[in-house]
């Protein structure tokens, strides 16, 4: 097994530790799936590469808010408004949304906007 020498990130590197990872219990050396020795420098280089990838936009950063994309098309979270309705009203909304080729959420947003505009 070889120590990682090339510039980071090498094309053949796979950063994965699992039950198949090579750990030498005598020397406590840990190697990646390609046999490269994982050293402090190796880890620092990996972390630096992740930061570079984020800065360059090659990797998306979780926003901490799972769910659908923003309604504004920007990277901001769209707030949620929820309320309860009788089953019959929900079924009517589902049928109307299907008829118009929309989701119930889109139908409800439009109705809410119309109601507020009518003031």
PDB file of N, CA and C in Angstrom:
ATOM      1  N   UNK A   1       0.831  -1.169   0.000  1.00  0.00           N
ATOM      2  CA  UNK A   1       0.000   0.000   0.000  1.00  0.00           C
ATOM      3  C   UNK A   1       0.879   1.237   0.000  1.00  0.00           C
ATOM      4  N   UNK A   2       0.392   2.253  -0.664  1.00  0.00           N
ATOM      5  CA  UNK A   2       1.214   3.431  -0.864  1.00  0.00           C
ATOM      6  C   UNK A   2       0.647   4.622  -0.128  1.00  0.00           C
ATOM      7  N   UNK A   3       1.532   5.548   0.202  1.00  0.00           N
ATOM      8  CA  UNK A   3       1.071   6.786   0.810  1.00  0.00           C
ATOM      9  C   UNK A   3       0.633   7.724  -0.303  1.00  0.00           C
ATOM     10  N   UNK A   4      -0.413   8.480  -0.067  1.00  0.00           N
ATOM     11  CA  UNK A   4      -0.938   9.423  -1.056  1.00  0.00           C
ATOM     12  C   UNK A   4       0.107  10.494  -1.319  1.00  0.00           C
ATOM     13  N   UNK A   5       0.538  10.611  -2.584  1.00  0.00           N
ATOM     14  CA  UNK A   5       1.575  11.569  -2.938  1.00  0.00           C
ATOM     15  C   UNK A   5       1.108  12.615  -3.950  1.00  0.00           C
ATOM     16  N   UNK A   6       0.154  12.278  -4.782  1.00  0.00           N
ATOM     17  CA  UNK A   6      -0.242  13.153  -5.887  1.00  0.00           C
ATOM     18  C   UNK A   6      -1.037  14.355  -5.394  1.00  0.00           C
ATOM     19  N   UNK A   7      -1.245  15.305  -6.311  1.00  0.00           N
ATOM     20  CA  UNK A   7      -2.061  16.486  -5.997  1.00  0.00           C
ATOM     21  C   UNK A   7      -3.479  16.053  -5.684  1.00  0.00           C
ATOM     22  N   UNK A   8      -4.127  16.792  -4.814  1.00  0.00           N
ATOM     23  CA  UNK A   8      -5.486  16.443  -4.401  1.00  0.00           C
ATOM     24  C   UNK A   8      -6.495  17.146  -5.290  1.00  0.00           C
ATOM     25  N   UNK A   9      -7.552  16.577  -5.724  1.00  0.00           N
ATOM     26  CA  UNK A   9      -7.981  15.201  -5.495  1.00  0.00           C
ATOM     27  C   UNK A   9      -7.544  14.306  -6.632  1.00  0.00           C
ATOM     28  N   UNK A  10      -6.922  13.200  -6.342  1.00  0.00           N
ATOM     29  CA  UNK A  10      -6.560  12.276  -7.411  1.00  0.00           C
ATOM     30  C   UNK A  10      -7.829  11.672  -8.007  1.00  0.00           C
ATOM     31  N   UNK A  11      -7.796  11.393  -9.296  1.00  0.00           N
ATOM     32  CA  UNK A  11      -8.995  10.902  -9.971  1.00  0.00           C
ATOM     33  C   UNK A  11      -9.420   9.521  -9.484  1.00  0.00           C
ATOM     34  N   UNK A  12      -8.477   8.746  -8.964  1.00  0.00           N
ATOM     35  CA  UNK A  12      -8.816   7.369  -8.598  1.00  0.00           C
ATOM     36  C   UNK A  12      -9.120   7.197  -7.114  1.00  0.00           C
ATOM     37  N   UNK A  13      -9.289   8.299  -6.380  1.00  0.00           N
ATOM     38  CA  UNK A  13      -9.523   8.222  -4.930  1.00  0.00           C
ATOM     39  C   UNK A  13     -10.999   8.011  -4.646  1.00  0.00           C
ATOM     40  N   UNK A  14     -11.270   7.176  -3.708  1.00  0.00           N
ATOM     41  CA  UNK A  14     -12.622   6.951  -3.241  1.00  0.00           C
ATOM     42  C   UNK A  14     -12.590   7.050  -1.727  1.00  0.00           C
ATOM     43  N   UNK A  15     -13.192   8.077  -1.151  1.00  0.00           N
ATOM     44  CA  UNK A  15     -13.185   8.264   0.297  1.00  0.00           C
ATOM     45  C   UNK A  15     -14.365   7.521   0.902  1.00  0.00           C
ATOM     46  N   UNK A  16     -14.093   6.306   1.317  1.00  0.00           N
ATOM     47  CA  UNK A  16     -15.167   5.511   1.907  1.00  0.00           C
ATOM     48  C   UNK A  16     -14.590   4.616   2.986  1.00  0.00           C
ATOM     49  N   UNK A  17     -15.093   4.767   4.197  1.00  0.00           N
ATOM     50  CA  UNK A  17     -14.698   3.888   5.290  1.00  0.00           C
ATOM     51  C   UNK A  17     -15.892   3.005   5.601  1.00  0.00           C
ATOM     52  N   UNK A  18     -15.710   1.720   5.501  1.00  0.00           N
ATOM     53  CA  UNK A  18     -16.769   0.791   5.858  1.00  0.00           C
ATOM     54  C   UNK A  18     -16.135  -0.483   6.376  1.00  0.00           C
ATOM     55  N   UNK A  19     -16.928  -1.533   6.525  1.00  0.00           N
ATOM     56  CA  UNK A  19     -16.395  -2.762   7.114  1.00  0.00           C
ATOM     57  C   UNK A  19     -15.325  -3.402   6.233  1.00  0.00           C
ATOM     58  N   UNK A  20     -15.228  -3.000   4.952  1.00  0.00           N
ATOM     59  CA  UNK A  20     -14.209  -3.552   4.062  1.00  0.00           C
ATOM     60  C   UNK A  20     -12.932  -2.714   4.042  1.00  0.00           C
ATOM     61  N   UNK A  21     -12.900  -1.604   4.768  1.00  0.00           N
ATOM     62  CA  UNK A  21     -11.724  -0.741   4.758  1.00  0.00           C
ATOM     63  C   UNK A  21     -10.530  -1.471   5.339  1.00  0.00           C
ATOM     64  N   UNK A  22      -9.366  -1.156   4.828  1.00  0.00           N
ATOM     65  CA  UNK A  22      -8.145  -1.829   5.239  1.00  0.00           C
ATOM     66  C   UNK A  22      -7.561  -1.138   6.468  1.00  0.00           C
ATOM     67  N   UNK A  23      -7.639  -1.781   7.621  1.00  0.00           N
ATOM     68  CA  UNK A  23      -7.077  -1.219   8.841  1.00  0.00           C
ATOM     69  C   UNK A  23      -6.055  -2.212   9.374  1.00  0.00           C
ATOM     70  N   UNK A  24      -4.813  -1.761   9.479  1.00  0.00           N
ATOM     71  CA  UNK A  24      -3.741  -2.601   9.998  1.00  0.00           C
ATOM     72  C   UNK A  24      -3.722  -2.417  11.511  1.00  0.00           C
ATOM     73  N   UNK A  25      -4.200  -3.436  12.249  1.00  0.00           N
ATOM     74  CA  UNK A  25      -4.354  -3.295  13.693  1.00  0.00           C
ATOM     75  C   UNK A  25      -3.023  -3.163  14.418  1.00  0.00           C
ATOM     76  N   UNK A  26      -1.910  -3.646  13.835  1.00  0.00           N
ATOM     77  CA  UNK A  26      -0.612  -3.527  14.500  1.00  0.00           C
ATOM     78  C   UNK A  26      -0.104  -2.096  14.478  1.00  0.00           C
ATOM     79  N   UNK A  27      -0.227  -1.438  13.331  1.00  0.00           N
ATOM     80  CA  UNK A  27       0.322  -0.092  13.230  1.00  0.00           C
ATOM     81  C   UNK A  27      -0.766   0.974  13.289  1.00  0.00           C
ATOM     82  N   UNK A  28      -2.014   0.551  13.325  1.00  0.00           N
ATOM     83  CA  UNK A  28      -3.158   1.450  13.337  1.00  0.00           C
ATOM     84  C   UNK A  28      -3.178   2.380  12.132  1.00  0.00           C
ATOM     85  N   UNK A  29      -2.631   1.927  11.019  1.00  0.00           N
ATOM     86  CA  UNK A  29      -2.685   2.694   9.777  1.00  0.00           C
ATOM     87  C   UNK A  29      -4.029   2.443   9.106  1.00  0.00           C
ATOM     88  N   UNK A  30      -4.568   3.479   8.518  1.00  0.00           N
ATOM     89  CA  UNK A  30      -5.841   3.355   7.801  1.00  0.00           C
ATOM     90  C   UNK A  30      -5.586   3.759   6.360  1.00  0.00           C
ATOM     91  N   UNK A  31      -6.109   2.959   5.442  1.00  0.00           N
ATOM     92  CA  UNK A  31      -5.943   3.204   4.013  1.00  0.00           C
ATOM     93  C   UNK A  31      -7.302   3.377   3.366  1.00  0.00           C
ATOM     94  N   UNK A  32      -7.332   4.158   2.287  1.00  0.00           N
ATOM     95  CA  UNK A  32      -8.588   4.313   1.556  1.00  0.00           C
ATOM     96  C   UNK A  32      -8.805   3.098   0.663  1.00  0.00           C
ATOM     97  N   UNK A  33      -9.897   3.094  -0.074  1.00  0.00           N
ATOM     98  CA  UNK A  33     -10.256   1.951  -0.903  1.00  0.00           C
ATOM     99  C   UNK A  33      -9.229   1.686  -2.005  1.00  0.00           C
ATOM    100  N   UNK A  34      -8.413   2.681  -2.355  1.00  0.00           N
ATOM    101  CA  UNK A  34      -7.378   2.527  -3.381  1.00  0.00           C
ATOM    102  C   UNK A  34      -6.024   2.183  -2.787  1.00  0.00           C
ATOM    103  N   UNK A  35      -5.954   2.039  -1.466  1.00  0.00           N
ATOM    104  CA  UNK A  35      -4.699   1.658  -0.828  1.00  0.00           C
ATOM    105  C   UNK A  35      -3.846   2.819  -0.367  1.00  0.00           C
ATOM    106  N   UNK A  36      -4.292   4.045  -0.521  1.00  0.00           N
ATOM    107  CA  UNK A  36      -3.527   5.208  -0.086  1.00  0.00           C
ATOM    108  C   UNK A  36      -3.627   5.351   1.433  1.00  0.00           C
ATOM    109  N   UNK A  37      -2.485   5.596   2.065  1.00  0.00           N
ATOM    110  CA  UNK A  37      -2.437   5.795   3.513  1.00  0.00           C
ATOM    111  C   UNK A  37      -3.149   7.092   3.876  1.00  0.00           C
ATOM    112  N   UNK A  38      -4.059   7.034   4.811  1.00  0.00           N
ATOM    113  CA  UNK A  38      -4.781   8.225   5.252  1.00  0.00           C
ATOM    114  C   UNK A  38      -3.995   8.846   6.403  1.00  0.00           C
ATOM    115  N   UNK A  39      -3.443  10.009   6.134  1.00  0.00           N
ATOM    116  CA  UNK A  39      -2.647  10.746   7.114  1.00  0.00           C
ATOM    117  C   UNK A  39      -3.377  12.035   7.458  1.00  0.00           C
ATOM    118  N   UNK A  40      -2.833  12.782   8.420  1.00  0.00           N
ATOM    119  CA  UNK A  40      -3.424  14.087   8.745  1.00  0.00           C
ATOM    120  C   UNK A  40      -3.419  14.995   7.528  1.00  0.00           C
ATOM    121  N   UNK A  41      -2.335  14.963   6.754  1.00  0.00           N
ATOM    122  CA  UNK A  41      -2.245  15.789   5.549  1.00  0.00           C
ATOM    123  C   UNK A  41      -3.311  15.380   4.529  1.00  0.00           C
ATOM    124  N   UNK A  42      -3.497  14.088   4.364  1.00  0.00           N
ATOM    125  CA  UNK A  42      -4.513  13.552   3.456  1.00  0.00           C
ATOM    126  C   UNK A  42      -5.895  14.092   3.842  1.00  0.00           C
ATOM    127  N   UNK A  43      -6.219  14.055   5.128  1.00  0.00           N
ATOM    128  CA  UNK A  43      -7.515  14.546   5.610  1.00  0.00           C
ATOM    129  C   UNK A  43      -7.626  16.051   5.398  1.00  0.00           C
ATOM    130  N   UNK A  44      -6.552  16.809   5.712  1.00  0.00           N
ATOM    131  CA  UNK A  44      -6.585  18.268   5.486  1.00  0.00           C
ATOM    132  C   UNK A  44      -6.814  18.572   4.011  1.00  0.00           C
ATOM    133  N   UNK A  45      -6.126  17.819   3.125  1.00  0.00           N
ATOM    134  CA  UNK A  45      -6.307  18.025   1.684  1.00  0.00           C
ATOM    135  C   UNK A  45      -7.741  17.713   1.260  1.00  0.00           C
ATOM    136  N   UNK A  46      -8.311  16.653   1.824  1.00  0.00           N
ATOM    137  CA  UNK A  46      -9.685  16.280   1.484  1.00  0.00           C
ATOM    138  C   UNK A  46     -10.651  17.371   1.923  1.00  0.00           C
ATOM    139  N   UNK A  47     -10.462  17.882   3.119  1.00  0.00           N
ATOM    140  CA  UNK A  47     -11.331  18.949   3.628  1.00  0.00           C
ATOM    141  C   UNK A  47     -11.182  20.209   2.776  1.00  0.00           C
ATOM    142  N   UNK A  48      -9.961  20.534   2.410  1.00  0.00           N
ATOM    143  CA  UNK A  48      -9.724  21.705   1.553  1.00  0.00           C
ATOM    144  C   UNK A  48     -10.420  21.536   0.210  1.00  0.00           C
ATOM    145  N   UNK A  49     -10.362  20.315  -0.337  1.00  0.00           N
ATOM    146  CA  UNK A  49     -11.006  20.082  -1.619  1.00  0.00           C
ATOM    147  C   UNK A  49     -12.516  20.247  -1.514  1.00  0.00           C
ATOM    148  N   UNK A  50     -13.102  19.787  -0.433  1.00  0.00           N
ATOM    149  CA  UNK A  50     -14.539  19.958  -0.246  1.00  0.00           C
ATOM    150  C   UNK A  50     -14.886  21.442  -0.182  1.00  0.00           C
ATOM    151  N   UNK A  51     -14.093  22.220   0.559  1.00  0.00           N
ATOM    152  CA  UNK A  51     -14.334  23.667   0.641  1.00  0.00           C
ATOM    153  C   UNK A  51     -14.194  24.316  -0.737  1.00  0.00           C
ATOM    154  N   UNK A  52     -13.174  23.905  -1.505  1.00  0.00           N
ATOM    155  CA  UNK A  52     -12.993  24.436  -2.861  1.00  0.00           C
ATOM    156  C   UNK A  52     -14.188  24.081  -3.732  1.00  0.00           C
ATOM    157  N   UNK A  53     -14.637  22.839  -3.645  1.00  0.00           N
ATOM    158  CA  UNK A  53     -15.766  22.391  -4.463  1.00  0.00           C
ATOM    159  C   UNK A  53     -17.028  23.185  -4.126  1.00  0.00           C
ATOM    160  N   UNK A  54     -17.222  23.478  -2.860  1.00  0.00           N
ATOM    161  CA  UNK A  54     -18.377  24.298  -2.444  1.00  0.00           C
ATOM    162  C   UNK A  54     -18.233  25.710  -2.988  1.00  0.00           C
ATOM    163  N   UNK A  55     -17.042  26.304  -2.818  1.00  0.00           N
ATOM    164  CA  UNK A  55     -16.797  27.672  -3.298  1.00  0.00           C
ATOM    165  C   UNK A  55     -16.979  27.782  -4.809  1.00  0.00           C
ATOM    166  N   UNK A  56     -16.591  26.733  -5.545  1.00  0.00           N
ATOM    167  CA  UNK A  56     -16.688  26.748  -7.001  1.00  0.00           C
ATOM    168  C   UNK A  56     -18.061  26.312  -7.490  1.00  0.00           C
ATOM    169  N   UNK A  57     -18.927  25.939  -6.565  1.00  0.00           N
ATOM    170  CA  UNK A  57     -20.273  25.527  -6.943  1.00  0.00           C
ATOM    171  C   UNK A  57     -20.357  24.126  -7.513  1.00  0.00           C
ATOM    172  N   UNK A  58     -19.298  23.319  -7.341  1.00  0.00           N
ATOM    173  CA  UNK A  58     -19.318  21.943  -7.847  1.00  0.00           C
ATOM    174  C   UNK A  58     -20.132  21.018  -6.956  1.00  0.00           C
ATOM    175  N   UNK A  59     -20.383  21.437  -5.706  1.00  0.00           N
ATOM    176  CA  UNK A  59     -21.156  20.636  -4.764  1.00  0.00           C
ATOM    177  C   UNK A  59     -22.187  21.543  -4.126  1.00  0.00           C
ATOM    178  N   UNK A  60     -23.404  21.039  -4.011  1.00  0.00           N
ATOM    179  CA  UNK A  60     -24.428  21.855  -3.360  1.00  0.00           C
ATOM    180  C   UNK A  60     -24.303  21.698  -1.851  1.00  0.00           C
ATOM    181  N   UNK A  61     -24.641  22.753  -1.157  1.00  0.00           N
ATOM    182  CA  UNK A  61     -24.569  22.760   0.300  1.00  0.00           C
ATOM    183  C   UNK A  61     -25.979  22.639   0.845  1.00  0.00           C
ATOM    184  N   UNK A  62     -26.229  21.661   1.712  1.00  0.00           N
ATOM    185  CA  UNK A  62     -27.571  21.552   2.283  1.00  0.00           C
ATOM    186  C   UNK A  62     -27.950  22.832   3.022  1.00  0.00           C
ATOM    187  N   UNK A  63     -29.194  23.242   2.863  1.00  0.00           N
ATOM    188  CA  UNK A  63     -29.651  24.478   3.506  1.00  0.00           C
ATOM    189  C   UNK A  63     -30.180  24.228   4.910  1.00  0.00           C
ATOM    190  N   UNK A  64     -30.337  22.968   5.271  1.00  0.00           N
ATOM    191  CA  UNK A  64     -30.908  22.656   6.570  1.00  0.00           C
ATOM    192  C   UNK A  64     -32.421  22.669   6.539  1.00  0.00           C
ATOM    193  N   UNK A  65     -32.963  22.991   5.381  1.00  0.00           N
ATOM    194  CA  UNK A  65     -34.412  23.005   5.207  1.00  0.00           C
ATOM    195  C   UNK A  65     -34.760  22.061   4.058  1.00  0.00           C
ATOM    196  N   UNK A  66     -35.104  20.821   4.387  1.00  0.00           N
ATOM    197  CA  UNK A  66     -35.441  19.887   3.320  1.00  0.00           C
ATOM    198  C   UNK A  66     -36.751  20.271   2.658  1.00  0.00           C
ATOM    199  N   UNK A  67     -36.974  19.768   1.497  1.00  0.00           N
ATOM    200  CA  UNK A  67     -38.246  20.002   0.843  1.00  0.00           C
ATOM    201  C   UNK A  67     -38.091  20.473  -0.579  1.00  0.00           C
ATOM    202  N   UNK A  68     -39.154  20.989  -1.074  1.00  0.00           N
ATOM    203  CA  UNK A  68     -39.206  21.403  -2.469  1.00  0.00           C
ATOM    204  C   UNK A  68     -38.445  22.715  -2.692  1.00  0.00           C
ATOM    205  N   UNK A  69     -38.131  23.001  -3.962  1.00  0.00           N
ATOM    206  CA  UNK A  69     -37.449  24.257  -4.270  1.00  0.00           C
ATOM    207  C   UNK A  69     -38.301  25.470  -3.918  1.00  0.00           C
ATOM    208  N   UNK A  70     -37.645  26.581  -3.743  1.00  0.00           N
ATOM    209  CA  UNK A  70     -38.323  27.832  -3.414  1.00  0.00           C
ATOM    210  C   UNK A  70     -39.294  28.215  -4.522  1.00  0.00           C
ATOM    211  N   UNK A  71     -40.414  28.787  -4.162  1.00  0.00           N
ATOM    212  CA  UNK A  71     -41.394  29.243  -5.145  1.00  0.00           C
ATOM    213  C   UNK A  71     -40.918  30.479  -5.890  1.00  0.00           C
ATOM    214  N   UNK A  72     -39.959  31.193  -5.325  1.00  0.00           N
ATOM    215  CA  UNK A  72     -39.454  32.399  -5.970  1.00  0.00           C
ATOM    216  C   UNK A  72     -38.346  32.090  -6.962  1.00  0.00           C
ATOM    217  N   UNK A  73     -37.860  30.851  -6.962  1.00  0.00           N
ATOM    218  CA  UNK A  73     -36.764  30.487  -7.858  1.00  0.00           C
ATOM    219  C   UNK A  73     -35.418  30.885  -7.297  1.00  0.00           C
ATOM    220  N   UNK A  74     -35.406  31.526  -6.150  1.00  0.00           N
ATOM    221  CA  UNK A  74     -34.155  31.921  -5.520  1.00  0.00           C
ATOM    222  C   UNK A  74     -33.775  30.847  -4.506  1.00  0.00           C
ATOM    223  N   UNK A  75     -32.716  31.046  -3.795  1.00  0.00           N
ATOM    224  CA  UNK A  75     -32.263  30.037  -2.845  1.00  0.00           C
ATOM    225  C   UNK A  75     -32.836  30.260  -1.449  1.00  0.00           C
ATOM    226  N   UNK A  76     -33.960  30.974  -1.370  1.00  0.00           N
ATOM    227  CA  UNK A  76     -34.591  31.207  -0.071  1.00  0.00           C
ATOM    228  C   UNK A  76     -35.696  30.182   0.160  1.00  0.00           C
ATOM    229  N   UNK A  77     -36.002  29.958   1.399  1.00  0.00           N
ATOM    230  CA  UNK A  77     -37.042  29.001   1.764  1.00  0.00           C
ATOM    231  C   UNK A  77     -38.412  29.642   1.613  1.00  0.00           C
ATOM    232  N   UNK A  78     -39.341  28.918   0.982  1.00  0.00           N
ATOM    233  CA  UNK A  78     -40.718  29.401   0.891  1.00  0.00           C
ATOM    234  C   UNK A  78     -41.466  28.965   2.144  1.00  0.00           C
ATOM    235  N   UNK A  79     -42.053  29.902   2.864  1.00  0.00           N
ATOM    236  CA  UNK A  79     -42.782  29.524   4.081  1.00  0.00           C
ATOM    237  C   UNK A  79     -44.003  28.672   3.744  1.00  0.00           C
ATOM    238  N   UNK A  80     -44.431  27.916   4.716  1.00  0.00           N
ATOM    239  CA  UNK A  80     -45.569  27.026   4.545  1.00  0.00           C
ATOM    240  C   UNK A  80     -46.745  27.540   5.363  1.00  0.00           C
ATOM    241  N   UNK A  81     -47.939  27.491   4.768  1.00  0.00           N
ATOM    242  CA  UNK A  81     -49.185  27.808   5.456  1.00  0.00           C
ATOM    243  C   UNK A  81     -50.041  26.552   5.353  1.00  0.00           C
ATOM    244  N   UNK A  82     -50.526  26.081   6.473  1.00  0.00           N
ATOM    245  CA  UNK A  82     -51.379  24.890   6.414  1.00  0.00           C
ATOM    246  C   UNK A  82     -52.636  25.123   7.232  1.00  0.00           C
ATOM    247  N   UNK A  83     -53.713  24.477   6.813  1.00  0.00           N
ATOM    248  CA  UNK A  83     -54.970  24.566   7.541  1.00  0.00           C
ATOM    249  C   UNK A  83     -55.775  23.318   7.237  1.00  0.00           C
ATOM    250  N   UNK A  84     -56.734  23.038   8.087  1.00  0.00           N
ATOM    251  CA  UNK A  84     -57.555  21.855   7.952  1.00  0.00           C
ATOM    252  C   UNK A  84     -58.839  22.181   7.196  1.00  0.00           C
ATOM    253  N   UNK A  85     -59.307  21.209   6.424  1.00  0.00           N
ATOM    254  CA  UNK A  85     -60.557  21.365   5.680  1.00  0.00           C
ATOM    255  C   UNK A  85     -61.376  20.085   5.829  1.00  0.00           C
ATOM    256  N   UNK A  86     -62.671  20.172   5.622  1.00  0.00           N
ATOM    257  CA  UNK A  86     -63.492  18.956   5.644  1.00  0.00           C
ATOM    258  C   UNK A  86     -63.094  18.036   4.475  1.00  0.00           C
ATOM    259  N   UNK A  87     -63.267  16.752   4.641  1.00  0.00           N
ATOM    260  CA  UNK A  87     -62.904  15.765   3.620  1.00  0.00           C
ATOM    261  C   UNK A  87     -63.531  16.080   2.272  1.00  0.00           C
ATOM    262  N   UNK A  88     -64.808  16.486   2.274  1.00  0.00           N
ATOM    263  CA  UNK A  88     -65.510  16.779   1.026  1.00  0.00           C
ATOM    264  C   UNK A  88     -64.845  17.930   0.267  1.00  0.00           C
ATOM    265  N   UNK A  89     -64.393  18.954   0.995  1.00  0.00           N
ATOM    266  CA  UNK A  89     -63.715  20.083   0.357  1.00  0.00           C
ATOM    267  C   UNK A  89     -62.370  19.651  -0.214  1.00  0.00           C
ATOM    268  N   UNK A  90     -61.671  18.819   0.515  1.00  0.00           N
ATOM    269  CA  UNK A  90     -60.380  18.316   0.025  1.00  0.00           C
ATOM    270  C   UNK A  90     -60.573  17.517  -1.260  1.00  0.00           C
ATOM    271  N   UNK A  91     -61.592  16.673  -1.304  1.00  0.00           N
ATOM    272  CA  UNK A  91     -61.857  15.872  -2.506  1.00  0.00           C
ATOM    273  C   UNK A  91     -62.218  16.769  -3.695  1.00  0.00           C
ATOM    274  N   UNK A  92     -63.009  17.801  -3.446  1.00  0.00           N
ATOM    275  CA  UNK A  92     -63.345  18.756  -4.518  1.00  0.00           C
ATOM    276  C   UNK A  92     -62.092  19.468  -5.019  1.00  0.00           C
ATOM    277  N   UNK A  93     -61.215  19.846  -4.091  1.00  0.00           N
ATOM    278  CA  UNK A  93     -59.963  20.518  -4.471  1.00  0.00           C
ATOM    279  C   UNK A  93     -59.077  19.586  -5.294  1.00  0.00           C
ATOM    280  N   UNK A  94     -58.990  18.330  -4.875  1.00  0.00           N
ATOM    281  CA  UNK A  94     -58.186  17.364  -5.636  1.00  0.00           C
ATOM    282  C   UNK A  94     -58.725  17.192  -7.052  1.00  0.00           C
ATOM    283  N   UNK A  95     -60.057  17.088  -7.178  1.00  0.00           N
ATOM    284  CA  UNK A  95     -60.672  16.915  -8.491  1.00  0.00           C
ATOM    285  C   UNK A  95     -60.431  18.135  -9.375  1.00  0.00           C
ATOM    286  N   UNK A  96     -60.581  19.313  -8.804  1.00  0.00           N
ATOM    287  CA  UNK A  96     -60.381  20.554  -9.571  1.00  0.00           C
ATOM    288  C   UNK A  96     -58.922  20.708  -9.990  1.00  0.00           C
ATOM    289  N   UNK A  97     -58.016  20.415  -9.075  1.00  0.00           N
ATOM    290  CA  UNK A  97     -56.586  20.512  -9.387  1.00  0.00           C
ATOM    291  C   UNK A  97     -56.224  19.540 -10.515  1.00  0.00           C
ATOM    292  N   UNK A  98     -56.741  18.333 -10.436  1.00  0.00           N
ATOM    293  CA  UNK A  98     -56.476  17.343 -11.491  1.00  0.00           C
ATOM    294  C   UNK A  98     -57.040  17.812 -12.821  1.00  0.00           C
ATOM    295  N   UNK A  99     -58.235  18.350 -12.790  1.00  0.00           N
ATOM    296  CA  UNK A  99     -58.894  18.864 -13.992  1.00  0.00           C
ATOM    297  C   UNK A  99     -58.046  19.968 -14.645  1.00  0.00           C
ATOM    298  N   UNK A 100     -57.428  20.808 -13.817  1.00  0.00           N
ATOM    299  CA  UNK A 100     -56.630  21.923 -14.325  1.00  0.00           C
ATOM    300  C   UNK A 100     -55.155  21.559 -14.515  1.00  0.00           C
ATOM    301  N   UNK A 101     -54.803  20.319 -14.181  1.00  0.00           N
ATOM    302  CA  UNK A 101     -53.412  19.880 -14.359  1.00  0.00           C
ATOM    303  C   UNK A 101     -52.462  20.517 -13.365  1.00  0.00           C
ATOM    304  N   UNK A 102     -52.954  20.737 -12.148  1.00  0.00           N
ATOM    305  CA  UNK A 102     -52.165  21.390 -11.105  1.00  0.00           C
ATOM    306  C   UNK A 102     -52.141  20.516  -9.870  1.00  0.00           C
ATOM    307  N   UNK A 103     -51.295  20.893  -8.935  1.00  0.00           N
ATOM    308  CA  UNK A 103     -51.330  20.253  -7.620  1.00  0.00           C
ATOM    309  C   UNK A 103     -52.362  20.982  -6.759  1.00  0.00           C
ATOM    310  N   UNK A 104     -52.799  20.327  -5.705  1.00  0.00           N
ATOM    311  CA  UNK A 104     -53.727  20.969  -4.774  1.00  0.00           C
ATOM    312  C   UNK A 104     -53.047  22.191  -4.163  1.00  0.00           C
ATOM    313  N   UNK A 105     -51.740  22.106  -3.910  1.00  0.00           N
ATOM    314  CA  UNK A 105     -51.011  23.259  -3.360  1.00  0.00           C
ATOM    315  C   UNK A 105     -51.058  24.448  -4.301  1.00  0.00           C
ATOM    316  N   UNK A 106     -50.844  24.209  -5.599  1.00  0.00           N
ATOM    317  CA  UNK A 106     -50.889  25.311  -6.569  1.00  0.00           C
ATOM    318  C   UNK A 106     -52.289  25.914  -6.622  1.00  0.00           C
ATOM    319  N   UNK A 107     -53.293  25.047  -6.621  1.00  0.00           N
ATOM    320  CA  UNK A 107     -54.673  25.523  -6.630  1.00  0.00           C
ATOM    321  C   UNK A 107     -54.962  26.366  -5.390  1.00  0.00           C
ATOM    322  N   UNK A 108     -54.535  25.905  -4.230  1.00  0.00           N
ATOM    323  CA  UNK A 108     -54.764  26.626  -2.979  1.00  0.00           C
ATOM    324  C   UNK A 108     -54.022  27.963  -2.968  1.00  0.00           C
ATOM    325  N   UNK A 109     -52.778  27.985  -3.491  1.00  0.00           N
ATOM    326  CA  UNK A 109     -52.031  29.252  -3.561  1.00  0.00           C
ATOM    327  C   UNK A 109     -52.776  30.268  -4.408  1.00  0.00           C
ATOM    328  N   UNK A 110     -53.259  29.812  -5.567  1.00  0.00           N
ATOM    329  CA  UNK A 110     -53.987  30.725  -6.454  1.00  0.00           C
ATOM    330  C   UNK A 110     -55.253  31.252  -5.782  1.00  0.00           C
ATOM    331  N   UNK A 111     -55.997  30.373  -5.133  1.00  0.00           N
ATOM    332  CA  UNK A 111     -57.232  30.791  -4.458  1.00  0.00           C
ATOM    333  C   UNK A 111     -56.927  31.771  -3.333  1.00  0.00           C
ATOM    334  N   UNK A 112     -55.867  31.500  -2.585  1.00  0.00           N
ATOM    335  CA  UNK A 112     -55.467  32.367  -1.477  1.00  0.00           C
ATOM    336  C   UNK A 112     -55.081  33.750  -2.016  1.00  0.00           C
ATOM    337  N   UNK A 113     -54.311  33.767  -3.106  1.00  0.00           N
ATOM    338  CA  UNK A 113     -53.903  35.052  -3.716  1.00  0.00           C
ATOM    339  C   UNK A 113     -55.119  35.840  -4.196  1.00  0.00           C
ATOM    340  N   UNK A 114     -56.057  35.160  -4.845  1.00  0.00           N
ATOM    341  CA  UNK A 114     -57.271  35.831  -5.336  1.00  0.00           C
ATOM    342  C   UNK A 114     -58.073  36.401  -4.168  1.00  0.00           C
ATOM    343  N   UNK A 115     -58.209  35.638  -3.111  1.00  0.00           N
ATOM    344  CA  UNK A 115     -58.949  36.085  -1.935  1.00  0.00           C
ATOM    345  C   UNK A 115     -58.308  37.333  -1.337  1.00  0.00           C
ATOM    346  N   UNK A 116     -56.983  37.324  -1.190  1.00  0.00           N
ATOM    347  CA  UNK A 116     -56.295  38.470  -0.590  1.00  0.00           C
ATOM    348  C   UNK A 116     -56.312  39.692  -1.503  1.00  0.00           C
ATOM    349  N   UNK A 117     -56.247  39.491  -2.822  1.00  0.00           N
ATOM    350  CA  UNK A 117     -56.336  40.619  -3.760  1.00  0.00           C
ATOM    351  C   UNK A 117     -57.716  41.272  -3.705  1.00  0.00           C
ATOM    352  N   UNK A 118     -58.754  40.457  -3.510  1.00  0.00           N
ATOM    353  CA  UNK A 118     -60.123  40.960  -3.481  1.00  0.00           C
ATOM    354  C   UNK A 118     -60.364  41.826  -2.227  1.00  0.00           C
ATOM    355  N   UNK A 119     -59.504  41.602  -1.242  1.00  0.00           N
ATOM    356  CA  UNK A 119     -59.434  42.370  -0.037  1.00  0.00           C
ATOM    357  C   UNK A 119     -60.660  42.656   0.700  1.00  0.00           C
TER     358      UNK A 119
END
